[in-house]
Amino acid sequence: MRRAVCPGSFDPIHNGHLEVIARAAGLFDEVIVAVSTNYAKKYRFSLEERIDMARETFASLRGIVVEPVGEGLLAEYCRQRGVSAIVKGLRSSSDFDYELPMATMNRQLTGVETVFLPAESHYLHLSSTLIKEVFTLGGDVSDFVPRSVLKRLAPGEPVQNRARKV
């Protein structure tokens, strides 16, 4: 079985992530959406919420599994799960510059390869940070995130009114 992992903090998961993960699912037999925690970041959603949103989002797609990364190195996580490739979406050359040293280190540590998929042009501007900022300032993010995220941003309120109470 050809297994890949798409790691990320997914705070929140957005349509750019979905597009890359769906394309990865077409290349591999199984794709693990590995939800991680970076302790240097401040999260809007808990690890459990981020996992739940990803599971709801991918529930109808075959070959995609969502699980937490846990503690330790991504390369070791991949080795333990029999993962042959890490899939990373790239929006720009700065993403490549950031990801390349990690890809090289992961390959040297455990032999896991990294596959870079360029983002679709209509998702190049998306980031979880930008989505949170736009939402907080009153912008409508409904075109950028799956329903599982939208309903958790501020349940029960129209999108236009949610940010004013955050």
N, C-alpha and C. Protein backbone atom coordinates (compact mmCIF):
# COMPACT_ATOMS: atom_id res chain seq x y z
N MET A 1 0.85 -1.18 0.00
CA MET A 1 0.00 0.00 0.00
C MET A 1 0.89 1.24 0.00
N ARG A 2 0.60 2.15 -0.90
CA ARG A 2 1.30 3.44 -0.94
C ARG A 2 0.57 4.41 -0.03
N ARG A 3 1.24 4.77 1.07
CA ARG A 3 0.62 5.63 2.09
C ARG A 3 1.40 6.94 2.18
N ALA A 4 0.65 8.04 2.25
CA ALA A 4 1.25 9.36 2.39
C ALA A 4 0.64 10.06 3.59
N VAL A 5 1.34 11.08 4.06
CA VAL A 5 0.83 11.89 5.15
C VAL A 5 0.81 13.35 4.70
N CYS A 6 -0.27 14.03 5.03
CA CYS A 6 -0.39 15.48 4.82
C CYS A 6 -0.47 16.09 6.22
N PRO A 7 0.66 16.59 6.72
CA PRO A 7 0.68 17.12 8.08
C PRO A 7 0.32 18.59 8.12
N GLY A 8 -0.18 19.02 9.26
CA GLY A 8 -0.46 20.44 9.45
C GLY A 8 -1.18 20.67 10.76
N SER A 9 -1.19 21.92 11.19
CA SER A 9 -1.94 22.24 12.39
C SER A 9 -3.42 22.46 12.07
N PHE A 10 -3.72 22.87 10.84
CA PHE A 10 -5.10 23.00 10.36
C PHE A 10 -5.98 23.80 11.32
N ASP A 11 -5.53 25.02 11.63
CA ASP A 11 -6.25 25.89 12.58
C ASP A 11 -6.71 27.17 11.89
N PRO A 12 -7.76 27.10 11.10
CA PRO A 12 -8.56 25.94 10.73
C PRO A 12 -8.13 25.36 9.39
N ILE A 13 -8.66 24.19 9.11
CA ILE A 13 -8.49 23.60 7.79
C ILE A 13 -9.26 24.47 6.80
N HIS A 14 -8.72 24.68 5.61
CA HIS A 14 -9.38 25.53 4.61
C HIS A 14 -9.37 24.84 3.25
N ASN A 15 -10.01 25.47 2.29
CA ASN A 15 -10.19 24.86 0.97
C ASN A 15 -8.88 24.63 0.23
N GLY A 16 -7.86 25.41 0.51
CA GLY A 16 -6.54 25.15 -0.07
C GLY A 16 -5.98 23.82 0.43
N HIS A 17 -6.15 23.55 1.73
CA HIS A 17 -5.74 22.26 2.28
C HIS A 17 -6.53 21.13 1.61
N LEU A 18 -7.84 21.32 1.51
CA LEU A 18 -8.70 20.28 0.94
C LEU A 18 -8.26 19.92 -0.47
N GLU A 19 -7.97 20.93 -1.26
CA GLU A 19 -7.59 20.71 -2.65
C GLU A 19 -6.30 19.88 -2.74
N VAL A 20 -5.30 20.20 -1.94
CA VAL A 20 -4.04 19.46 -1.97
C VAL A 20 -4.25 18.03 -1.46
N ILE A 21 -5.01 17.87 -0.38
CA ILE A 21 -5.25 16.54 0.19
C ILE A 21 -6.04 15.67 -0.79
N ALA A 22 -7.03 16.24 -1.45
CA ALA A 22 -7.80 15.47 -2.44
C ALA A 22 -6.92 15.03 -3.59
N ARG A 23 -6.03 15.89 -4.05
CA ARG A 23 -5.10 15.51 -5.12
C ARG A 23 -4.14 14.43 -4.66
N ALA A 24 -3.68 14.52 -3.41
CA ALA A 24 -2.80 13.49 -2.86
C ALA A 24 -3.52 12.15 -2.81
N ALA A 25 -4.82 12.18 -2.49
CA ALA A 25 -5.60 10.94 -2.43
C ALA A 25 -5.68 10.27 -3.80
N GLY A 26 -5.54 11.04 -4.86
CA GLY A 26 -5.51 10.46 -6.19
C GLY A 26 -4.17 9.83 -6.55
N LEU A 27 -3.14 10.14 -5.79
CA LEU A 27 -1.80 9.63 -6.06
C LEU A 27 -1.40 8.46 -5.15
N PHE A 28 -2.05 8.35 -4.00
CA PHE A 28 -1.68 7.34 -3.01
C PHE A 28 -2.90 6.51 -2.64
N ASP A 29 -2.65 5.30 -2.14
CA ASP A 29 -3.74 4.43 -1.72
C ASP A 29 -4.42 4.94 -0.45
N GLU A 30 -3.62 5.53 0.42
CA GLU A 30 -4.15 6.09 1.66
C GLU A 30 -3.41 7.38 1.98
N VAL A 31 -4.15 8.37 2.44
CA VAL A 31 -3.57 9.64 2.88
C VAL A 31 -3.99 9.86 4.33
N ILE A 32 -3.00 10.06 5.16
CA ILE A 32 -3.26 10.38 6.56
C ILE A 32 -3.17 11.90 6.71
N VAL A 33 -4.25 12.51 7.13
CA VAL A 33 -4.25 13.92 7.48
C VAL A 33 -3.81 13.95 8.93
N ALA A 34 -2.55 14.32 9.13
CA ALA A 34 -1.93 14.26 10.45
C ALA A 34 -1.99 15.64 11.10
N VAL A 35 -2.87 15.77 12.08
CA VAL A 35 -3.08 17.05 12.74
C VAL A 35 -2.06 17.20 13.86
N SER A 36 -1.29 18.28 13.77
CA SER A 36 -0.19 18.47 14.71
C SER A 36 -0.43 19.67 15.62
N THR A 37 0.39 19.75 16.64
CA THR A 37 0.38 20.89 17.55
C THR A 37 1.79 21.46 17.60
N ASN A 38 1.88 22.74 17.30
CA ASN A 38 3.13 23.48 17.42
C ASN A 38 2.98 24.33 18.67
N TYR A 39 3.75 24.02 19.69
CA TYR A 39 3.56 24.68 20.98
C TYR A 39 3.97 26.15 20.96
N ALA A 40 4.59 26.59 19.89
CA ALA A 40 4.94 28.01 19.75
C ALA A 40 3.76 28.82 19.21
N LYS A 41 2.72 28.14 18.71
CA LYS A 41 1.56 28.82 18.13
C LYS A 41 0.44 28.96 19.16
N LYS A 42 -0.37 29.98 18.96
CA LYS A 42 -1.59 30.14 19.74
C LYS A 42 -2.74 29.70 18.83
N TYR A 43 -3.54 28.76 19.29
CA TYR A 43 -4.60 28.17 18.48
C TYR A 43 -5.96 28.75 18.81
N ARG A 44 -6.78 28.88 17.80
CA ARG A 44 -8.17 29.25 17.99
C ARG A 44 -8.98 28.01 18.38
N PHE A 45 -8.63 26.88 17.78
CA PHE A 45 -9.34 25.62 18.02
C PHE A 45 -8.44 24.63 18.74
N SER A 46 -9.03 23.83 19.62
CA SER A 46 -8.27 22.79 20.32
C SER A 46 -7.88 21.69 19.33
N LEU A 47 -6.95 20.85 19.73
CA LEU A 47 -6.55 19.72 18.90
C LEU A 47 -7.76 18.85 18.57
N GLU A 48 -8.60 18.58 19.54
CA GLU A 48 -9.78 17.75 19.32
C GLU A 48 -10.72 18.38 18.31
N GLU A 49 -10.92 19.71 18.40
CA GLU A 49 -11.78 20.40 17.44
C GLU A 49 -11.19 20.35 16.03
N ARG A 50 -9.88 20.53 15.93
CA ARG A 50 -9.24 20.50 14.61
C ARG A 50 -9.34 19.11 13.99
N ILE A 51 -9.20 18.08 14.80
CA ILE A 51 -9.36 16.71 14.31
C ILE A 51 -10.80 16.47 13.89
N ASP A 52 -11.75 16.88 14.71
CA ASP A 52 -13.17 16.70 14.38
C ASP A 52 -13.54 17.40 13.08
N MET A 53 -13.06 18.64 12.89
CA MET A 53 -13.38 19.38 11.66
C MET A 53 -12.82 18.65 10.45
N ALA A 54 -11.59 18.16 10.55
CA ALA A 54 -10.99 17.43 9.43
C ALA A 54 -11.74 16.13 9.17
N ARG A 55 -12.10 15.41 10.21
CA ARG A 55 -12.84 14.15 10.02
C ARG A 55 -14.20 14.39 9.35
N GLU A 56 -14.90 15.43 9.79
CA GLU A 56 -16.18 15.76 9.16
C GLU A 56 -15.99 16.14 7.69
N THR A 57 -14.96 16.89 7.42
CA THR A 57 -14.69 17.36 6.06
C THR A 57 -14.40 16.20 5.11
N PHE A 58 -13.65 15.21 5.57
CA PHE A 58 -13.22 14.12 4.70
C PHE A 58 -14.04 12.84 4.87
N ALA A 59 -15.12 12.90 5.62
CA ALA A 59 -15.91 11.70 5.93
C ALA A 59 -16.39 10.96 4.68
N SER A 60 -16.69 11.66 3.63
CA SER A 60 -17.24 11.01 2.44
C SER A 60 -16.17 10.60 1.42
N LEU A 61 -14.92 10.89 1.69
CA LEU A 61 -13.85 10.56 0.74
C LEU A 61 -13.13 9.29 1.16
N ARG A 62 -12.96 8.39 0.22
CA ARG A 62 -12.27 7.13 0.50
C ARG A 62 -10.77 7.35 0.56
N GLY A 63 -10.13 6.57 1.40
CA GLY A 63 -8.68 6.56 1.47
C GLY A 63 -8.06 7.69 2.26
N ILE A 64 -8.87 8.48 2.96
CA ILE A 64 -8.33 9.57 3.77
C ILE A 64 -8.66 9.29 5.23
N VAL A 65 -7.62 9.29 6.05
CA VAL A 65 -7.74 9.03 7.47
C VAL A 65 -7.22 10.27 8.20
N VAL A 66 -7.88 10.64 9.29
CA VAL A 66 -7.45 11.80 10.08
C VAL A 66 -7.03 11.30 11.46
N GLU A 67 -5.84 11.73 11.90
CA GLU A 67 -5.38 11.37 13.23
C GLU A 67 -4.38 12.40 13.74
N PRO A 68 -4.19 12.45 15.06
CA PRO A 68 -3.20 13.37 15.61
C PRO A 68 -1.79 12.84 15.38
N VAL A 69 -0.85 13.75 15.23
CA VAL A 69 0.55 13.35 15.08
C VAL A 69 1.12 12.90 16.41
N GLY A 70 0.75 13.58 17.48
CA GLY A 70 1.30 13.25 18.79
C GLY A 70 2.65 13.92 18.98
N GLU A 71 3.40 13.45 19.93
CA GLU A 71 4.71 14.02 20.26
C GLU A 71 5.78 13.45 19.32
N GLY A 72 6.85 14.17 19.17
CA GLY A 72 8.00 13.65 18.43
C GLY A 72 8.09 14.15 17.00
N LEU A 73 9.03 13.59 16.30
CA LEU A 73 9.34 14.01 14.94
C LEU A 73 8.36 13.45 13.91
N LEU A 74 8.04 14.25 12.93
CA LEU A 74 7.18 13.79 11.84
C LEU A 74 7.81 12.61 11.11
N ALA A 75 9.11 12.65 10.90
CA ALA A 75 9.80 11.55 10.21
C ALA A 75 9.62 10.23 10.95
N GLU A 76 9.67 10.27 12.28
CA GLU A 76 9.48 9.06 13.08
C GLU A 76 8.03 8.59 13.02
N TYR A 77 7.11 9.54 13.06
CA TYR A 77 5.68 9.22 12.90
C TYR A 77 5.47 8.48 11.58
N CYS A 78 6.08 8.98 10.51
CA CYS A 78 5.96 8.36 9.19
C CYS A 78 6.54 6.95 9.19
N ARG A 79 7.71 6.77 9.81
CA ARG A 79 8.33 5.45 9.87
C ARG A 79 7.43 4.46 10.60
N GLN A 80 6.86 4.88 11.73
CA GLN A 80 6.01 4.00 12.52
C GLN A 80 4.74 3.60 11.77
N ARG A 81 4.25 4.45 10.89
CA ARG A 81 3.00 4.19 10.18
C ARG A 81 3.21 3.63 8.77
N GLY A 82 4.44 3.41 8.39
CA GLY A 82 4.71 2.87 7.06
C GLY A 82 4.40 3.86 5.94
N VAL A 83 4.62 5.13 6.21
CA VAL A 83 4.35 6.19 5.24
C VAL A 83 5.55 6.35 4.32
N SER A 84 5.31 6.37 3.02
CA SER A 84 6.41 6.51 2.08
C SER A 84 6.64 7.95 1.64
N ALA A 85 5.65 8.83 1.86
CA ALA A 85 5.80 10.21 1.40
C ALA A 85 5.03 11.18 2.28
N ILE A 86 5.63 12.34 2.43
CA ILE A 86 4.98 13.49 3.05
C ILE A 86 4.54 14.39 1.90
N VAL A 87 3.28 14.80 1.89
CA VAL A 87 2.79 15.67 0.84
C VAL A 87 2.62 17.07 1.41
N LYS A 88 3.20 18.04 0.72
CA LYS A 88 3.11 19.44 1.13
C LYS A 88 2.62 20.28 -0.04
N GLY A 89 1.66 21.14 0.22
CA GLY A 89 1.21 22.08 -0.79
C GLY A 89 2.08 23.32 -0.77
N LEU A 90 2.37 23.83 -1.94
CA LEU A 90 3.19 25.04 -2.06
C LEU A 90 2.40 26.15 -2.71
N ARG A 91 2.40 27.32 -2.08
CA ARG A 91 1.73 28.49 -2.63
C ARG A 91 2.69 29.43 -3.32
N SER A 92 3.94 29.41 -2.88
CA SER A 92 4.92 30.37 -3.40
C SER A 92 6.33 29.82 -3.19
N SER A 93 7.30 30.56 -3.73
CA SER A 93 8.69 30.15 -3.55
C SER A 93 9.11 30.23 -2.08
N SER A 94 8.50 31.10 -1.31
CA SER A 94 8.84 31.17 0.11
C SER A 94 8.39 29.90 0.84
N ASP A 95 7.27 29.30 0.43
CA ASP A 95 6.87 28.01 1.00
C ASP A 95 7.93 26.95 0.69
N PHE A 96 8.41 26.94 -0.56
CA PHE A 96 9.44 25.98 -0.95
C PHE A 96 10.71 26.19 -0.13
N ASP A 97 11.14 27.44 0.03
CA ASP A 97 12.34 27.73 0.81
C ASP A 97 12.21 27.27 2.25
N TYR A 98 11.01 27.36 2.81
CA TYR A 98 10.75 26.92 4.17
C TYR A 98 10.72 25.39 4.27
N GLU A 99 10.09 24.75 3.29
CA GLU A 99 9.86 23.30 3.35
C GLU A 99 11.06 22.46 2.93
N LEU A 100 11.91 22.95 2.04
CA LEU A 100 13.01 22.14 1.51
C LEU A 100 13.97 21.62 2.58
N PRO A 101 14.44 22.45 3.51
CA PRO A 101 15.33 21.90 4.54
C PRO A 101 14.66 20.80 5.38
N MET A 102 13.38 20.98 5.68
CA MET A 102 12.68 19.94 6.46
C MET A 102 12.56 18.66 5.64
N ALA A 103 12.28 18.79 4.35
CA ALA A 103 12.17 17.61 3.49
C ALA A 103 13.49 16.85 3.45
N THR A 104 14.58 17.58 3.34
CA THR A 104 15.89 16.95 3.31
C THR A 104 16.21 16.27 4.63
N MET A 105 15.90 16.93 5.73
CA MET A 105 16.15 16.33 7.04
C MET A 105 15.29 15.08 7.24
N ASN A 106 14.02 15.13 6.89
CA ASN A 106 13.14 13.97 7.05
C ASN A 106 13.65 12.79 6.23
N ARG A 107 14.12 13.05 5.02
CA ARG A 107 14.66 11.97 4.18
C ARG A 107 15.91 11.38 4.81
N GLN A 108 16.78 12.22 5.35
CA GLN A 108 18.01 11.72 5.97
C GLN A 108 17.74 10.96 7.26
N LEU A 109 16.71 11.37 8.00
CA LEU A 109 16.39 10.70 9.26
C LEU A 109 15.80 9.32 9.06
N THR A 110 14.84 9.20 8.16
CA THR A 110 14.12 7.92 8.03
C THR A 110 13.91 7.45 6.59
N GLY A 111 14.35 8.23 5.62
CA GLY A 111 14.17 7.84 4.23
C GLY A 111 12.85 8.27 3.63
N VAL A 112 11.98 8.91 4.40
CA VAL A 112 10.68 9.35 3.87
C VAL A 112 10.90 10.50 2.89
N GLU A 113 10.25 10.40 1.75
CA GLU A 113 10.35 11.44 0.73
C GLU A 113 9.27 12.49 0.95
N THR A 114 9.50 13.68 0.42
CA THR A 114 8.49 14.73 0.44
C THR A 114 8.09 15.04 -0.99
N VAL A 115 6.79 15.08 -1.22
CA VAL A 115 6.23 15.41 -2.53
C VAL A 115 5.59 16.78 -2.42
N PHE A 116 6.00 17.69 -3.28
CA PHE A 116 5.46 19.04 -3.28
C PHE A 116 4.39 19.16 -4.38
N LEU A 117 3.21 19.62 -3.99
CA LEU A 117 2.14 19.87 -4.95
C LEU A 117 1.85 21.36 -5.00
N PRO A 118 1.97 21.96 -6.16
CA PRO A 118 1.65 23.39 -6.25
C PRO A 118 0.15 23.61 -6.05
N ALA A 119 -0.18 24.63 -5.29
CA ALA A 119 -1.59 24.95 -5.03
C ALA A 119 -2.24 25.47 -6.31
N GLU A 120 -3.53 25.24 -6.42
CA GLU A 120 -4.30 25.83 -7.52
C GLU A 120 -4.26 27.35 -7.37
N SER A 121 -4.26 28.05 -8.48
CA SER A 121 -4.09 29.50 -8.45
C SER A 121 -5.14 30.22 -7.61
N HIS A 122 -6.37 29.71 -7.58
CA HIS A 122 -7.41 30.40 -6.81
C HIS A 122 -7.31 30.15 -5.30
N TYR A 123 -6.30 29.37 -4.88
CA TYR A 123 -6.07 29.16 -3.45
C TYR A 123 -4.72 29.71 -2.99
N LEU A 124 -3.98 30.35 -3.86
CA LEU A 124 -2.63 30.82 -3.52
C LEU A 124 -2.62 31.80 -2.36
N HIS A 125 -3.68 32.53 -2.18
CA HIS A 125 -3.73 33.55 -1.13
C HIS A 125 -4.18 33.01 0.23
N LEU A 126 -4.66 31.78 0.29
CA LEU A 126 -5.23 31.26 1.53
C LEU A 126 -4.18 30.80 2.53
N SER A 127 -4.41 31.16 3.77
CA SER A 127 -3.67 30.62 4.90
C SER A 127 -4.63 30.61 6.08
N SER A 128 -4.41 29.73 7.01
CA SER A 128 -5.27 29.69 8.20
C SER A 128 -5.19 30.99 8.97
N THR A 129 -4.01 31.57 9.05
CA THR A 129 -3.84 32.84 9.75
C THR A 129 -4.66 33.94 9.10
N LEU A 130 -4.61 34.03 7.79
CA LEU A 130 -5.36 35.07 7.08
C LEU A 130 -6.86 34.87 7.24
N ILE A 131 -7.31 33.64 7.17
CA ILE A 131 -8.73 33.35 7.33
C ILE A 131 -9.20 33.78 8.72
N LYS A 132 -8.43 33.47 9.76
CA LYS A 132 -8.80 33.87 11.12
C LYS A 132 -8.84 35.40 11.25
N GLU A 133 -7.89 36.06 10.63
CA GLU A 133 -7.85 37.52 10.70
C GLU A 133 -9.03 38.15 9.98
N VAL A 134 -9.33 37.68 8.78
CA VAL A 134 -10.46 38.22 8.02
C VAL A 134 -11.76 38.00 8.79
N PHE A 135 -11.93 36.81 9.34
CA PHE A 135 -13.13 36.51 10.10
C PHE A 135 -13.25 37.42 11.32
N THR A 136 -12.17 37.55 12.07
CA THR A 136 -12.18 38.37 13.28
C THR A 136 -12.53 39.82 12.97
N LEU A 137 -12.14 40.31 11.80
CA LEU A 137 -12.42 41.69 11.42
C LEU A 137 -13.75 41.85 10.69
N GLY A 138 -14.56 40.80 10.68
CA GLY A 138 -15.91 40.91 10.14
C GLY A 138 -16.08 40.43 8.72
N GLY A 139 -15.04 39.88 8.11
CA GLY A 139 -15.15 39.41 6.73
C GLY A 139 -15.83 38.06 6.62
N ASP A 140 -16.41 37.83 5.47
CA ASP A 140 -17.10 36.58 5.17
C ASP A 140 -16.08 35.57 4.64
N VAL A 141 -15.84 34.51 5.37
CA VAL A 141 -14.86 33.50 4.96
C VAL A 141 -15.53 32.23 4.43
N SER A 142 -16.82 32.28 4.20
CA SER A 142 -17.56 31.07 3.81
C SER A 142 -17.09 30.47 2.48
N ASP A 143 -16.48 31.25 1.60
CA ASP A 143 -15.97 30.70 0.34
C ASP A 143 -14.61 30.02 0.51
N PHE A 144 -14.01 30.12 1.68
CA PHE A 144 -12.65 29.66 1.87
C PHE A 144 -12.50 28.47 2.80
N VAL A 145 -13.55 28.14 3.54
CA VAL A 145 -13.47 27.05 4.51
C VAL A 145 -14.63 26.08 4.32
N PRO A 146 -14.42 24.82 4.72
CA PRO A 146 -15.52 23.85 4.64
C PRO A 146 -16.58 24.15 5.71
N ARG A 147 -17.74 23.60 5.52
CA ARG A 147 -18.86 23.79 6.44
C ARG A 147 -18.51 23.41 7.88
N SER A 148 -17.69 22.37 8.04
CA SER A 148 -17.31 21.93 9.39
C SER A 148 -16.58 23.03 10.16
N VAL A 149 -15.86 23.88 9.47
CA VAL A 149 -15.16 25.01 10.11
C VAL A 149 -16.13 26.15 10.33
N LEU A 150 -16.90 26.47 9.31
CA LEU A 150 -17.79 27.61 9.38
C LEU A 150 -18.75 27.51 10.57
N LYS A 151 -19.28 26.33 10.80
CA LYS A 151 -20.24 26.18 11.90
C LYS A 151 -19.59 26.29 13.27
N ARG A 152 -18.25 26.12 13.35
CA ARG A 152 -17.57 26.23 14.64
C ARG A 152 -17.00 27.61 14.92
N LEU A 153 -16.92 28.43 13.91
CA LEU A 153 -16.38 29.77 14.14
C LEU A 153 -17.24 30.53 15.14
N ALA A 154 -18.54 30.51 14.96
CA ALA A 154 -19.47 31.11 15.91
C ALA A 154 -20.84 30.52 15.63
N PRO A 155 -21.13 29.39 16.22
CA PRO A 155 -22.38 28.68 15.92
C PRO A 155 -23.62 29.54 16.13
N GLY A 156 -24.56 29.40 15.20
CA GLY A 156 -25.86 30.03 15.35
C GLY A 156 -25.97 31.46 14.89
N GLU A 157 -24.91 32.07 14.44
CA GLU A 157 -24.97 33.46 14.00
C GLU A 157 -24.72 33.54 12.50
N PRO A 158 -25.33 34.52 11.84
CA PRO A 158 -24.99 34.72 10.43
C PRO A 158 -23.50 35.06 10.32
N VAL A 159 -22.86 34.62 9.23
CA VAL A 159 -21.44 34.83 9.05
C VAL A 159 -21.06 36.30 9.23
N GLN A 160 -21.84 37.21 8.69
CA GLN A 160 -21.50 38.63 8.73
C GLN A 160 -21.46 39.17 10.16
N ASN A 161 -22.18 38.59 11.10
CA ASN A 161 -22.27 39.10 12.47
C ASN A 161 -21.30 38.43 13.45
N ARG A 162 -20.69 37.32 13.06
CA ARG A 162 -19.90 36.54 13.99
C ARG A 162 -18.66 37.27 14.50
N ALA A 163 -17.93 37.90 13.63
CA ALA A 163 -16.63 38.47 14.02
C ALA A 163 -16.79 39.59 15.05
N ARG A 164 -17.86 40.28 15.05
CA ARG A 164 -18.02 41.39 15.97
C ARG A 164 -18.05 40.93 17.42
N LYS A 165 -18.32 39.65 17.66
CA LYS A 165 -18.40 39.13 19.03
C LYS A 165 -17.17 38.34 19.41
N VAL A 166 -16.21 38.19 18.53
CA VAL A 166 -15.01 37.40 18.81
C VAL A 166 -14.08 38.18 19.70
